[in-house]
N, C-alpha and C. Protein backbone atom coordinates (compact mmCIF):
# COMPACT_ATOMS: atom_id res chain seq x y z
N MET A 1 148.92 61.82 -17.40
CA MET A 1 149.27 60.42 -17.38
C MET A 1 149.64 59.81 -16.07
N PRO A 2 148.70 59.34 -15.32
CA PRO A 2 148.68 58.88 -14.17
C PRO A 2 149.84 57.78 -14.52
N GLY A 3 151.00 57.10 -13.02
CA GLY A 3 151.55 56.45 -12.76
C GLY A 3 150.86 55.65 -11.94
N PRO A 4 152.16 54.58 -11.40
CA PRO A 4 152.13 53.68 -10.04
C PRO A 4 152.63 53.68 -9.57
N ILE A 5 151.88 53.52 -7.94
CA ILE A 5 151.98 53.83 -7.13
C ILE A 5 151.60 53.05 -6.23
N GLY A 6 152.75 52.40 -5.10
CA GLY A 6 151.93 51.64 -4.19
C GLY A 6 151.45 51.85 -2.70
N ILE A 7 150.65 51.55 -1.76
CA ILE A 7 150.35 52.24 -0.49
C ILE A 7 150.46 50.97 0.36
N ILE A 8 151.27 51.52 1.47
CA ILE A 8 151.66 50.12 2.61
C ILE A 8 150.87 50.75 3.84
N ALA A 9 150.04 49.99 4.08
CA ALA A 9 150.14 50.18 5.87
C ALA A 9 149.81 48.99 6.23
N ASP A 10 150.71 48.82 7.79
CA ASP A 10 151.02 47.73 8.15
C ASP A 10 151.46 46.69 7.28
N LYS A 11 150.83 45.99 7.03
CA LYS A 11 151.25 44.43 6.26
C LYS A 11 150.77 44.74 4.52
N GLU A 12 150.05 45.71 5.01
CA GLU A 12 149.05 45.34 3.51
C GLU A 12 149.96 46.20 2.22
N LYS A 13 149.71 45.85 1.26
CA LYS A 13 150.00 47.14 -0.08
C LYS A 13 148.80 47.05 -1.20
N LEU A 14 148.75 48.22 -1.45
CA LEU A 14 148.02 48.59 -2.98
C LEU A 14 148.55 48.47 -3.74
N ASP A 15 148.59 48.13 -4.96
CA ASP A 15 149.19 49.86 -6.20
C ASP A 15 148.03 50.03 -6.63
N TYR A 16 148.24 51.60 -6.82
CA TYR A 16 147.29 52.55 -7.43
C TYR A 16 148.38 53.67 -8.10
N ALA A 17 146.70 53.97 -9.16
CA ALA A 17 146.81 55.05 -9.94
C ALA A 17 147.32 56.78 -9.49
N ALA A 18 148.67 57.68 -9.83
CA ALA A 18 148.78 58.65 -8.97
C ALA A 18 149.35 59.84 -9.87
N LEU A 19 148.26 61.02 -9.45
CA LEU A 19 148.64 62.47 -10.54
C LEU A 19 149.85 62.85 -9.82
N ILE A 20 151.21 63.21 -9.99
CA ILE A 20 151.55 64.35 -9.42
C ILE A 20 151.07 65.52 -9.80
N ASP A 21 150.67 67.00 -8.92
CA ASP A 21 150.23 67.83 -9.15
C ASP A 21 150.83 68.60 -7.84
N SER A 22 151.81 69.53 -8.72
CA SER A 22 152.03 70.61 -7.74
C SER A 22 151.52 71.84 -7.07
N GLY A 23 149.90 71.97 -7.41
CA GLY A 23 149.01 72.58 -6.89
C GLY A 23 148.45 72.14 -6.09
N ALA A 24 148.74 70.99 -5.47
CA ALA A 24 147.80 70.26 -4.47
C ALA A 24 148.43 70.05 -2.85
N ASP A 25 147.41 70.72 -2.06
CA ASP A 25 148.76 71.20 -0.69
C ASP A 25 149.21 69.66 -0.62
N PHE A 26 148.54 68.68 -0.23
CA PHE A 26 148.77 67.21 0.31
C PHE A 26 148.47 66.21 -0.74
N CYS A 27 149.18 64.93 -0.47
CA CYS A 27 148.83 64.21 -1.05
C CYS A 27 147.42 63.29 -0.76
N ILE A 28 146.25 62.90 -1.55
CA ILE A 28 145.21 62.48 -1.33
C ILE A 28 144.46 61.82 -2.11
N PHE A 29 143.61 60.45 -1.40
CA PHE A 29 143.66 59.30 -1.86
C PHE A 29 142.09 59.32 -1.50
N ALA A 30 141.53 58.49 -2.75
CA ALA A 30 140.19 57.82 -2.35
C ALA A 30 139.86 56.73 -0.88
N VAL A 31 138.69 57.35 -0.60
CA VAL A 31 138.86 56.32 0.89
C VAL A 31 138.71 55.11 0.71
N GLU A 32 138.41 54.64 -0.11
CA GLU A 32 138.49 52.69 -0.26
C GLU A 32 139.46 52.14 -0.35
N LEU A 33 140.76 52.71 -0.89
CA LEU A 33 142.50 52.55 -0.49
C LEU A 33 142.46 51.97 0.68
N ALA A 34 141.98 53.29 1.67
CA ALA A 34 142.69 53.14 3.32
C ALA A 34 141.71 51.74 3.62
N GLU A 35 140.68 51.98 3.66
CA GLU A 35 139.73 50.60 4.22
C GLU A 35 139.81 49.37 3.66
N TYR A 36 140.64 49.06 2.16
CA TYR A 36 141.50 48.14 1.82
C TYR A 36 142.43 47.82 2.90
N LEU A 37 143.40 48.83 2.98
CA LEU A 37 144.35 48.69 4.04
C LEU A 37 144.11 48.49 5.53
N GLY A 38 142.65 48.58 5.65
CA GLY A 38 142.45 48.34 7.37
C GLY A 38 142.81 49.64 8.06
N ILE A 39 143.02 51.14 7.42
CA ILE A 39 142.97 52.21 8.61
C ILE A 39 141.60 52.79 8.90
N ASP A 40 141.22 53.04 10.01
CA ASP A 40 140.67 53.74 10.22
C ASP A 40 140.19 55.32 9.78
N VAL A 41 139.60 55.31 8.56
CA VAL A 41 139.86 56.91 8.33
C VAL A 41 139.53 57.83 9.07
N ARG A 42 138.19 57.61 9.86
CA ARG A 42 137.76 59.23 10.77
C ARG A 42 138.76 58.96 11.95
N SER A 43 139.57 58.37 12.34
CA SER A 43 140.56 58.48 13.06
C SER A 43 141.52 59.63 12.97
N GLY A 44 141.85 59.68 12.12
CA GLY A 44 142.73 60.56 11.18
C GLY A 44 142.77 62.50 11.57
N ARG A 45 143.75 62.92 11.28
CA ARG A 45 143.55 64.54 11.83
C ARG A 45 142.82 65.01 10.49
N LYS A 46 141.32 65.81 10.57
CA LYS A 46 140.88 66.42 9.56
C LYS A 46 141.11 67.41 8.75
N GLU A 47 141.60 67.29 7.93
CA GLU A 47 141.60 68.48 6.76
C GLU A 47 141.18 68.96 5.48
N PHE A 48 140.83 70.27 5.76
CA PHE A 48 139.56 70.72 4.44
C PHE A 48 140.23 70.89 3.30
N PHE A 49 140.00 70.69 2.14
CA PHE A 49 140.92 71.16 0.81
C PHE A 49 140.02 71.24 -0.53
N GLY A 50 139.90 71.84 -1.65
CA GLY A 50 139.48 72.52 -2.32
C GLY A 50 140.24 71.52 -3.69
N GLY A 51 139.36 71.93 -5.23
CA GLY A 51 139.26 71.63 -6.20
C GLY A 51 139.61 69.85 -6.38
N VAL A 52 138.51 69.13 -6.02
CA VAL A 52 138.05 67.95 -6.19
C VAL A 52 136.40 67.79 -6.29
N GLN A 53 136.12 67.33 -7.63
CA GLN A 53 134.63 67.10 -8.07
C GLN A 53 134.46 68.43 -7.58
N ASN A 54 133.01 68.43 -7.15
CA ASN A 54 132.44 69.82 -7.02
C ASN A 54 131.81 69.48 -5.45
N VAL A 55 132.38 69.49 -4.71
CA VAL A 55 132.30 69.24 -2.97
C VAL A 55 133.45 70.37 -3.05
N SER A 56 133.03 71.63 -2.66
CA SER A 56 133.78 72.72 -1.66
C SER A 56 133.53 73.22 -0.48
N PRO A 57 134.44 72.86 0.38
CA PRO A 57 135.82 72.18 0.57
C PRO A 57 135.08 71.28 1.21
N SER A 58 136.37 70.01 0.58
CA SER A 58 136.38 68.74 0.81
C SER A 58 137.29 68.60 1.73
N ALA A 59 136.14 66.89 2.22
CA ALA A 59 137.69 67.12 3.97
C ALA A 59 138.37 65.04 3.93
N GLY A 60 139.54 65.56 4.09
CA GLY A 60 140.17 64.53 3.72
C GLY A 60 140.41 63.91 5.67
N TYR A 61 140.90 62.94 5.87
CA TYR A 61 141.78 62.57 7.47
C TYR A 61 142.86 62.33 7.06
N LEU A 62 143.68 62.54 7.66
CA LEU A 62 145.38 62.27 7.76
C LEU A 62 145.40 61.07 8.33
N HIS A 63 146.83 60.21 7.55
CA HIS A 63 147.30 58.89 8.25
C HIS A 63 148.49 58.67 7.49
N GLU A 64 149.55 58.33 8.14
CA GLU A 64 151.08 58.08 7.98
C GLU A 64 150.66 56.55 7.37
N VAL A 65 150.96 56.35 6.38
CA VAL A 65 151.35 55.00 4.52
C VAL A 65 153.25 55.29 4.58
N THR A 66 153.48 54.03 3.84
CA THR A 66 154.39 54.28 3.15
C THR A 66 154.22 54.31 1.91
N LEU A 67 154.70 54.81 1.17
CA LEU A 67 154.11 55.02 -0.28
C LEU A 67 155.36 54.73 -0.91
N ASN A 68 155.85 54.19 -2.36
CA ASN A 68 156.41 53.43 -3.03
C ASN A 68 156.16 53.93 -4.24
N VAL A 69 157.28 54.92 -5.03
CA VAL A 69 156.74 55.74 -6.02
C VAL A 69 158.51 55.58 -6.45
N GLY A 70 158.69 55.77 -7.61
CA GLY A 70 159.71 55.24 -8.44
C GLY A 70 160.83 54.34 -7.96
N GLY A 71 160.22 53.16 -7.05
CA GLY A 71 161.21 52.57 -6.75
C GLY A 71 161.80 52.83 -5.07
N TRP A 72 161.14 53.76 -4.40
CA TRP A 72 161.61 54.28 -3.64
C TRP A 72 160.15 54.13 -2.34
N ASP A 73 160.58 53.63 -1.04
CA ASP A 73 159.52 53.49 -0.25
C ASP A 73 159.75 54.37 0.36
N PHE A 74 158.87 55.08 0.95
CA PHE A 74 159.05 56.49 2.07
C PHE A 74 158.06 56.46 3.45
N LYS A 75 158.13 57.34 4.20
CA LYS A 75 157.17 57.08 4.95
C LYS A 75 156.87 58.42 4.80
N THR A 76 155.02 59.18 4.72
CA THR A 76 154.75 60.17 4.52
C THR A 76 153.32 60.36 5.38
N THR A 77 152.72 61.62 5.54
CA THR A 77 151.33 61.66 5.55
C THR A 77 150.59 61.78 4.23
N VAL A 78 149.11 61.00 4.54
CA VAL A 78 148.88 61.27 3.30
C VAL A 78 147.30 61.93 3.71
N GLY A 79 146.19 62.00 3.29
CA GLY A 79 145.07 62.45 3.06
C GLY A 79 144.28 61.00 2.68
N PHE A 80 143.48 60.24 3.26
CA PHE A 80 141.98 59.75 2.37
C PHE A 80 140.74 60.58 2.68
N SER A 81 140.10 59.98 1.05
CA SER A 81 138.70 61.23 1.44
C SER A 81 137.93 60.47 0.76
N TYR A 82 136.59 60.90 1.35
CA TYR A 82 135.03 60.08 0.72
C TYR A 82 134.73 61.28 -0.63
N ASP A 83 135.59 62.15 -0.69
CA ASP A 83 135.13 63.36 -1.49
C ASP A 83 135.90 62.96 -3.09
N ILE A 84 136.51 62.21 -2.63
CA ILE A 84 137.23 61.00 -3.96
C ILE A 84 136.75 60.15 -4.75
N ALA A 85 136.91 60.34 -5.88
CA ALA A 85 135.75 59.21 -6.65
C ALA A 85 136.77 58.16 -6.35
N LYS A 86 136.12 56.87 -6.13
CA LYS A 86 136.57 55.73 -6.13
C LYS A 86 137.86 55.20 -7.28
N ASP A 87 136.97 55.37 -8.17
CA ASP A 87 137.74 54.92 -9.62
C ASP A 87 138.44 55.91 -10.36
N GLY A 88 138.87 57.03 -9.27
CA GLY A 88 139.41 58.08 -9.92
C GLY A 88 141.15 57.93 -9.36
N TYR A 89 142.22 59.00 -9.79
CA TYR A 89 143.07 59.13 -9.13
C TYR A 89 143.61 59.38 -8.36
N GLY A 90 144.87 59.22 -7.50
CA GLY A 90 145.31 59.64 -6.03
C GLY A 90 145.89 60.92 -7.02
N ILE A 91 146.50 61.99 -5.79
CA ILE A 91 146.96 63.19 -6.22
C ILE A 91 148.19 63.11 -5.24
N LEU A 92 149.39 63.41 -5.41
CA LEU A 92 150.66 63.27 -4.74
C LEU A 92 151.39 65.16 -5.22
N GLY A 93 151.08 65.39 -4.08
CA GLY A 93 151.21 66.88 -3.68
C GLY A 93 151.82 67.58 -2.83
N GLN A 94 151.93 68.82 -2.83
CA GLN A 94 153.31 69.36 -2.04
C GLN A 94 153.97 69.20 -0.27
N LYS A 95 152.95 68.82 0.48
CA LYS A 95 153.25 67.89 1.88
C LYS A 95 152.95 66.20 1.39
N GLY A 96 154.67 65.80 1.51
CA GLY A 96 154.00 64.10 1.41
C GLY A 96 154.79 63.47 0.51
N PHE A 97 155.12 64.39 -0.78
CA PHE A 97 155.86 64.55 -1.80
C PHE A 97 156.52 65.28 -2.20
N PHE A 98 156.32 66.64 -2.58
CA PHE A 98 157.43 67.16 -3.28
C PHE A 98 158.07 68.19 -2.19
N ASP A 99 157.86 67.73 -0.73
CA ASP A 99 158.80 68.11 0.21
C ASP A 99 159.52 66.57 0.44
N ILE A 100 159.29 66.04 0.07
CA ILE A 100 160.79 64.73 -0.49
C ILE A 100 161.55 65.26 -1.77
N PHE A 101 160.92 64.63 -2.49
CA PHE A 101 161.79 64.66 -3.66
C PHE A 101 161.75 66.38 -4.41
N SER A 102 162.95 65.97 -5.36
CA SER A 102 163.03 67.20 -6.13
C SER A 102 162.84 66.31 -7.96
N VAL A 103 161.32 67.20 -8.32
CA VAL A 103 160.89 66.59 -9.67
C VAL A 103 161.70 67.48 -10.30
N LYS A 104 161.66 66.64 -11.62
CA LYS A 104 161.72 67.33 -13.16
C LYS A 104 161.46 66.43 -13.68
N PHE A 105 160.43 67.21 -14.56
CA PHE A 105 159.79 66.65 -15.90
C PHE A 105 160.24 67.05 -17.43
N ASP A 106 160.31 65.88 -17.93
CA ASP A 106 161.11 65.99 -19.41
C ASP A 106 160.21 65.67 -20.71
N TYR A 107 159.43 66.47 -20.89
CA TYR A 107 157.82 66.40 -21.62
C TYR A 107 157.90 65.66 -22.97
N GLN A 108 158.92 66.12 -23.44
CA GLN A 108 159.37 65.13 -25.03
C GLN A 108 159.86 64.05 -24.69
N LYS A 109 160.55 63.39 -23.79
CA LYS A 109 161.05 62.48 -23.83
C LYS A 109 160.06 61.43 -22.90
N GLU A 110 158.67 61.85 -22.45
CA GLU A 110 157.81 61.31 -21.39
C GLU A 110 158.58 60.35 -20.07
N GLU A 111 159.45 61.36 -19.66
CA GLU A 111 160.28 60.67 -18.15
C GLU A 111 159.25 61.99 -17.23
N ILE A 112 159.86 61.37 -16.12
CA ILE A 112 159.87 61.89 -14.55
C ILE A 112 160.62 61.97 -13.98
N GLU A 113 161.65 62.48 -13.96
CA GLU A 113 163.50 62.04 -12.80
C GLU A 113 162.36 62.70 -11.07
N LEU A 114 163.07 61.79 -10.44
CA LEU A 114 163.15 61.99 -9.15
C LEU A 114 164.14 61.86 -8.35
N LYS A 115 164.35 62.53 -7.26
CA LYS A 115 165.78 63.56 -6.79
C LYS A 115 165.33 62.97 -5.05
N GLN A 116 165.88 62.33 -4.03
CA GLN A 116 165.18 62.40 -2.84
C GLN A 116 165.62 63.99 -2.41
N LYS A 117 165.47 64.75 -1.66
CA LYS A 117 165.76 65.74 -1.19
C LYS A 117 166.48 65.06 0.02
N GLN A 118 167.56 65.77 0.70
CA GLN A 118 169.01 65.42 1.48
C GLN A 118 168.22 66.43 2.95
N PRO A 119 168.04 65.91 4.11
CA PRO A 119 167.65 66.75 4.89
C PRO A 119 168.19 67.62 5.13
N GLU A 120 167.70 68.89 5.62
CA GLU A 120 168.45 70.32 5.83
C GLU A 120 168.80 70.03 7.35
N SER A 121 169.96 70.64 7.64
CA SER A 121 170.63 70.46 8.73
C SER A 121 170.65 71.66 9.77
């Protein structure tokens, strides 16, 4: 079940539904979100990934944004892709989410617990 997150770029904020996917290399969202937020999508660093729709490999363009997940605002790098359906869900993956949070799933209680990781010294 997707959960609500916020995506913030400059002064624009957009609420969106995203899935937590430990098998995804990085966070990825539909390109329409970047366009709404005023991001020049193709100016980002191009990254290839698989497993989305029937296009393989798919391309995403990496940009730094602020995400709001579980009440926390944090800057991270996410990909925006033309290969994600605009009515689909975003994906929170390893780089940009799991490298920032420890995640605990409790299936019976239908809860997800996030704890921000402490920076390594």
